[in-house]
Amino acid sequence: LERTRTTLHVETSPGRGDFHPLLLDYGDAAAFHGCLCRHHAPANPTPFTRVSIDFRVGVSPHFDPGWRAEGVKALHGWRKA
């Protein structure tokens, strides 16, 4: 059961359109292919603030800075940590 009705919804594979909420417990984390699988969060109908943290990890020997996923509309800057 969704606690806040603002849970992130994702599709199971690119273009499938079978969106489902990520039902997580407090302290859990989820991973999915956000570059290719569409995802969205419904508008927040509550008086409470929703907080979301989004980060990506690339393992240096396997990272190709020139690669671009087909259909990606937004590119973000790369930072090395």
N, C-alpha and C. Protein backbone atom coordinates (compact mmCIF):
# COMPACT_ATOMS: atom_id res chain seq x y z
N LEU A 1 0.84 -1.19 0.00
CA LEU A 1 0.00 0.00 0.00
C LEU A 1 0.87 1.24 0.00
N GLU A 2 0.58 2.16 -0.85
CA GLU A 2 1.35 3.40 -0.88
C GLU A 2 1.01 4.25 0.33
N ARG A 3 2.01 4.69 1.03
CA ARG A 3 1.78 5.50 2.23
C ARG A 3 1.42 6.93 1.89
N THR A 4 2.05 7.48 0.86
CA THR A 4 1.87 8.91 0.57
C THR A 4 1.16 9.20 -0.74
N ARG A 5 0.93 8.20 -1.56
CA ARG A 5 0.34 8.37 -2.89
C ARG A 5 1.23 9.21 -3.80
N THR A 6 2.51 9.39 -3.43
CA THR A 6 3.45 10.15 -4.26
C THR A 6 4.65 9.31 -4.66
N THR A 7 4.51 8.01 -4.56
CA THR A 7 5.59 7.07 -4.85
C THR A 7 5.97 7.11 -6.32
N LEU A 8 7.25 6.96 -6.60
CA LEU A 8 7.74 6.90 -7.98
C LEU A 8 7.15 5.69 -8.69
N HIS A 9 6.66 5.90 -9.91
CA HIS A 9 6.13 4.82 -10.74
C HIS A 9 7.10 4.57 -11.89
N VAL A 10 7.43 3.31 -12.16
CA VAL A 10 8.37 2.96 -13.23
C VAL A 10 7.78 1.86 -14.11
N GLU A 11 8.27 1.78 -15.35
CA GLU A 11 7.86 0.67 -16.21
C GLU A 11 8.90 -0.44 -16.09
N THR A 12 8.50 -1.70 -16.35
CA THR A 12 9.38 -2.84 -16.12
C THR A 12 10.47 -2.97 -17.17
N SER A 13 10.23 -2.47 -18.38
CA SER A 13 11.25 -2.48 -19.43
C SER A 13 10.95 -1.32 -20.38
N PRO A 14 11.95 -0.86 -21.13
CA PRO A 14 11.78 0.33 -21.97
C PRO A 14 10.59 0.21 -22.93
N GLY A 15 9.72 1.23 -22.88
CA GLY A 15 8.60 1.32 -23.79
C GLY A 15 7.41 0.44 -23.46
N ARG A 16 7.48 -0.32 -22.40
CA ARG A 16 6.40 -1.26 -22.08
C ARG A 16 5.12 -0.57 -21.58
N GLY A 17 5.29 0.54 -20.87
CA GLY A 17 4.13 1.30 -20.40
C GLY A 17 3.37 0.68 -19.25
N ASP A 18 3.93 -0.33 -18.62
CA ASP A 18 3.26 -1.01 -17.50
C ASP A 18 3.70 -0.41 -16.16
N PHE A 19 3.43 0.85 -15.97
CA PHE A 19 3.90 1.58 -14.79
C PHE A 19 3.35 0.97 -13.51
N HIS A 20 4.21 0.87 -12.52
CA HIS A 20 3.81 0.39 -11.20
C HIS A 20 4.59 1.16 -10.15
N PRO A 21 4.00 1.38 -8.97
CA PRO A 21 4.71 2.12 -7.92
C PRO A 21 5.83 1.28 -7.32
N LEU A 22 6.90 1.95 -6.94
CA LEU A 22 7.97 1.28 -6.20
C LEU A 22 7.54 1.25 -4.73
N LEU A 23 7.14 0.13 -4.27
CA LEU A 23 6.65 0.00 -2.90
C LEU A 23 7.80 -0.40 -1.99
N LEU A 24 8.35 0.58 -1.32
CA LEU A 24 9.53 0.38 -0.48
C LEU A 24 9.20 0.68 0.97
N ASP A 25 9.94 0.07 1.87
CA ASP A 25 9.84 0.40 3.28
C ASP A 25 10.83 1.51 3.59
N TYR A 26 10.62 2.18 4.70
CA TYR A 26 11.53 3.24 5.11
C TYR A 26 12.95 2.71 5.20
N GLY A 27 13.90 3.44 4.63
CA GLY A 27 15.30 3.03 4.62
C GLY A 27 15.69 2.19 3.43
N ASP A 28 14.72 1.72 2.63
CA ASP A 28 15.02 0.93 1.44
C ASP A 28 15.48 1.84 0.30
N ALA A 29 16.15 1.25 -0.66
CA ALA A 29 16.56 1.95 -1.88
C ALA A 29 16.16 1.09 -3.07
N ALA A 30 15.96 1.74 -4.21
CA ALA A 30 15.59 1.02 -5.43
C ALA A 30 16.53 1.43 -6.55
N ALA A 31 16.77 0.52 -7.47
CA ALA A 31 17.58 0.82 -8.65
C ALA A 31 16.82 0.37 -9.89
N PHE A 32 16.86 1.17 -10.94
CA PHE A 32 16.23 0.82 -12.20
C PHE A 32 16.94 1.59 -13.30
N HIS A 33 16.75 1.21 -14.54
CA HIS A 33 17.42 1.83 -15.68
C HIS A 33 16.65 3.09 -16.08
N GLY A 34 16.89 4.17 -15.34
CA GLY A 34 16.14 5.41 -15.52
C GLY A 34 16.43 6.14 -16.81
N CYS A 35 17.50 5.79 -17.50
CA CYS A 35 17.78 6.40 -18.80
C CYS A 35 16.82 5.87 -19.86
N LEU A 36 16.47 4.61 -19.76
CA LEU A 36 15.65 3.98 -20.80
C LEU A 36 14.21 3.71 -20.36
N CYS A 37 14.01 3.38 -19.10
CA CYS A 37 12.66 3.10 -18.61
C CYS A 37 12.01 4.40 -18.15
N ARG A 38 10.81 4.65 -18.66
CA ARG A 38 10.11 5.87 -18.27
C ARG A 38 9.66 5.76 -16.82
N HIS A 39 9.59 6.89 -16.16
CA HIS A 39 9.19 6.93 -14.76
C HIS A 39 8.58 8.29 -14.44
N HIS A 40 7.74 8.33 -13.43
CA HIS A 40 7.11 9.58 -13.01
C HIS A 40 6.60 9.43 -11.58
N ALA A 41 6.37 10.57 -10.98
CA ALA A 41 5.73 10.60 -9.66
C ALA A 41 4.48 11.45 -9.77
N PRO A 42 3.37 10.98 -9.22
CA PRO A 42 2.15 11.77 -9.27
C PRO A 42 2.30 13.04 -8.43
N ALA A 43 1.44 14.02 -8.69
CA ALA A 43 1.45 15.25 -7.90
C ALA A 43 1.21 14.91 -6.43
N ASN A 44 1.82 15.66 -5.56
CA ASN A 44 1.73 15.44 -4.13
C ASN A 44 0.43 16.06 -3.60
N PRO A 45 -0.56 15.23 -3.22
CA PRO A 45 -1.84 15.77 -2.74
C PRO A 45 -1.85 16.06 -1.23
N THR A 46 -0.70 15.89 -0.57
CA THR A 46 -0.64 16.05 0.88
C THR A 46 -0.05 17.40 1.24
N PRO A 47 -0.18 17.82 2.49
CA PRO A 47 0.45 19.07 2.93
C PRO A 47 1.92 18.87 3.31
N PHE A 48 2.46 17.68 3.05
CA PHE A 48 3.83 17.36 3.46
C PHE A 48 4.77 17.44 2.26
N THR A 49 6.01 17.77 2.52
CA THR A 49 7.03 17.87 1.48
C THR A 49 7.54 16.48 1.12
N ARG A 50 7.66 16.24 -0.18
CA ARG A 50 8.23 14.98 -0.66
C ARG A 50 9.71 15.24 -0.94
N VAL A 51 10.56 14.32 -0.51
CA VAL A 51 12.00 14.43 -0.74
C VAL A 51 12.44 13.24 -1.58
N SER A 52 13.22 13.51 -2.62
CA SER A 52 13.71 12.45 -3.49
C SER A 52 15.19 12.67 -3.74
N ILE A 53 15.96 11.61 -3.68
CA ILE A 53 17.40 11.68 -3.95
C ILE A 53 17.68 10.82 -5.17
N ASP A 54 18.39 11.41 -6.13
CA ASP A 54 18.66 10.72 -7.39
C ASP A 54 20.17 10.82 -7.65
N PHE A 55 20.82 9.70 -7.82
CA PHE A 55 22.23 9.73 -8.19
C PHE A 55 22.55 8.55 -9.08
N ARG A 56 23.61 8.72 -9.85
CA ARG A 56 24.04 7.66 -10.77
C ARG A 56 25.49 7.32 -10.49
N VAL A 57 25.81 6.06 -10.69
CA VAL A 57 27.17 5.59 -10.44
C VAL A 57 27.70 4.93 -11.70
N GLY A 58 28.92 5.30 -12.08
CA GLY A 58 29.59 4.66 -13.21
C GLY A 58 30.94 4.13 -12.76
N VAL A 59 31.23 2.89 -13.03
CA VAL A 59 32.52 2.30 -12.65
C VAL A 59 33.53 2.68 -13.73
N SER A 60 34.56 3.38 -13.34
CA SER A 60 35.51 4.00 -14.27
C SER A 60 35.97 3.13 -15.43
N PRO A 61 36.44 1.90 -15.23
CA PRO A 61 36.92 1.12 -16.37
C PRO A 61 35.82 0.77 -17.38
N HIS A 62 34.58 0.86 -16.97
CA HIS A 62 33.45 0.50 -17.84
C HIS A 62 32.67 1.71 -18.32
N PHE A 63 33.14 2.91 -17.99
CA PHE A 63 32.42 4.14 -18.31
C PHE A 63 32.89 4.70 -19.64
N ASP A 64 31.96 4.96 -20.55
CA ASP A 64 32.26 5.56 -21.85
C ASP A 64 31.59 6.93 -21.91
N PRO A 65 32.33 8.02 -21.72
CA PRO A 65 31.72 9.35 -21.69
C PRO A 65 31.10 9.77 -23.03
N GLY A 66 31.41 9.08 -24.09
CA GLY A 66 30.84 9.41 -25.40
C GLY A 66 29.53 8.70 -25.71
N TRP A 67 29.15 7.72 -24.87
CA TRP A 67 27.93 6.95 -25.13
C TRP A 67 26.70 7.77 -24.81
N ARG A 68 25.68 7.67 -25.67
CA ARG A 68 24.41 8.35 -25.44
C ARG A 68 23.27 7.36 -25.73
N ALA A 69 22.33 7.26 -24.83
CA ALA A 69 21.16 6.39 -25.04
C ALA A 69 20.23 7.06 -26.04
N GLU A 70 19.76 6.30 -26.99
CA GLU A 70 18.84 6.82 -28.00
C GLU A 70 17.56 7.31 -27.33
N GLY A 71 17.13 8.49 -27.71
CA GLY A 71 15.89 9.05 -27.17
C GLY A 71 16.04 9.86 -25.91
N VAL A 72 17.24 9.92 -25.31
CA VAL A 72 17.43 10.70 -24.10
C VAL A 72 17.41 12.18 -24.47
N LYS A 73 16.57 12.93 -23.77
CA LYS A 73 16.39 14.34 -24.10
C LYS A 73 17.22 15.27 -23.23
N ALA A 74 17.58 14.84 -22.04
CA ALA A 74 18.32 15.71 -21.12
C ALA A 74 19.68 15.10 -20.81
N LEU A 75 20.70 15.89 -20.95
CA LEU A 75 22.05 15.45 -20.58
C LEU A 75 22.52 16.29 -19.40
N HIS A 76 23.10 15.65 -18.45
CA HIS A 76 23.59 16.34 -17.26
C HIS A 76 25.11 16.28 -17.25
N GLY A 77 25.73 17.23 -16.59
CA GLY A 77 27.19 17.24 -16.53
C GLY A 77 27.75 16.03 -15.80
N TRP A 78 28.94 15.63 -16.18
CA TRP A 78 29.61 14.50 -15.54
C TRP A 78 30.58 15.02 -14.51
N ARG A 79 30.68 14.36 -13.39
CA ARG A 79 31.65 14.73 -12.36
C ARG A 79 32.37 13.47 -11.92
N LYS A 80 33.66 13.61 -11.72
CA LYS A 80 34.44 12.47 -11.26
C LYS A 80 34.68 12.63 -9.77
N ALA A 81 34.41 11.57 -9.01
CA ALA A 81 34.59 11.63 -7.54
C ALA A 81 35.77 10.79 -7.15
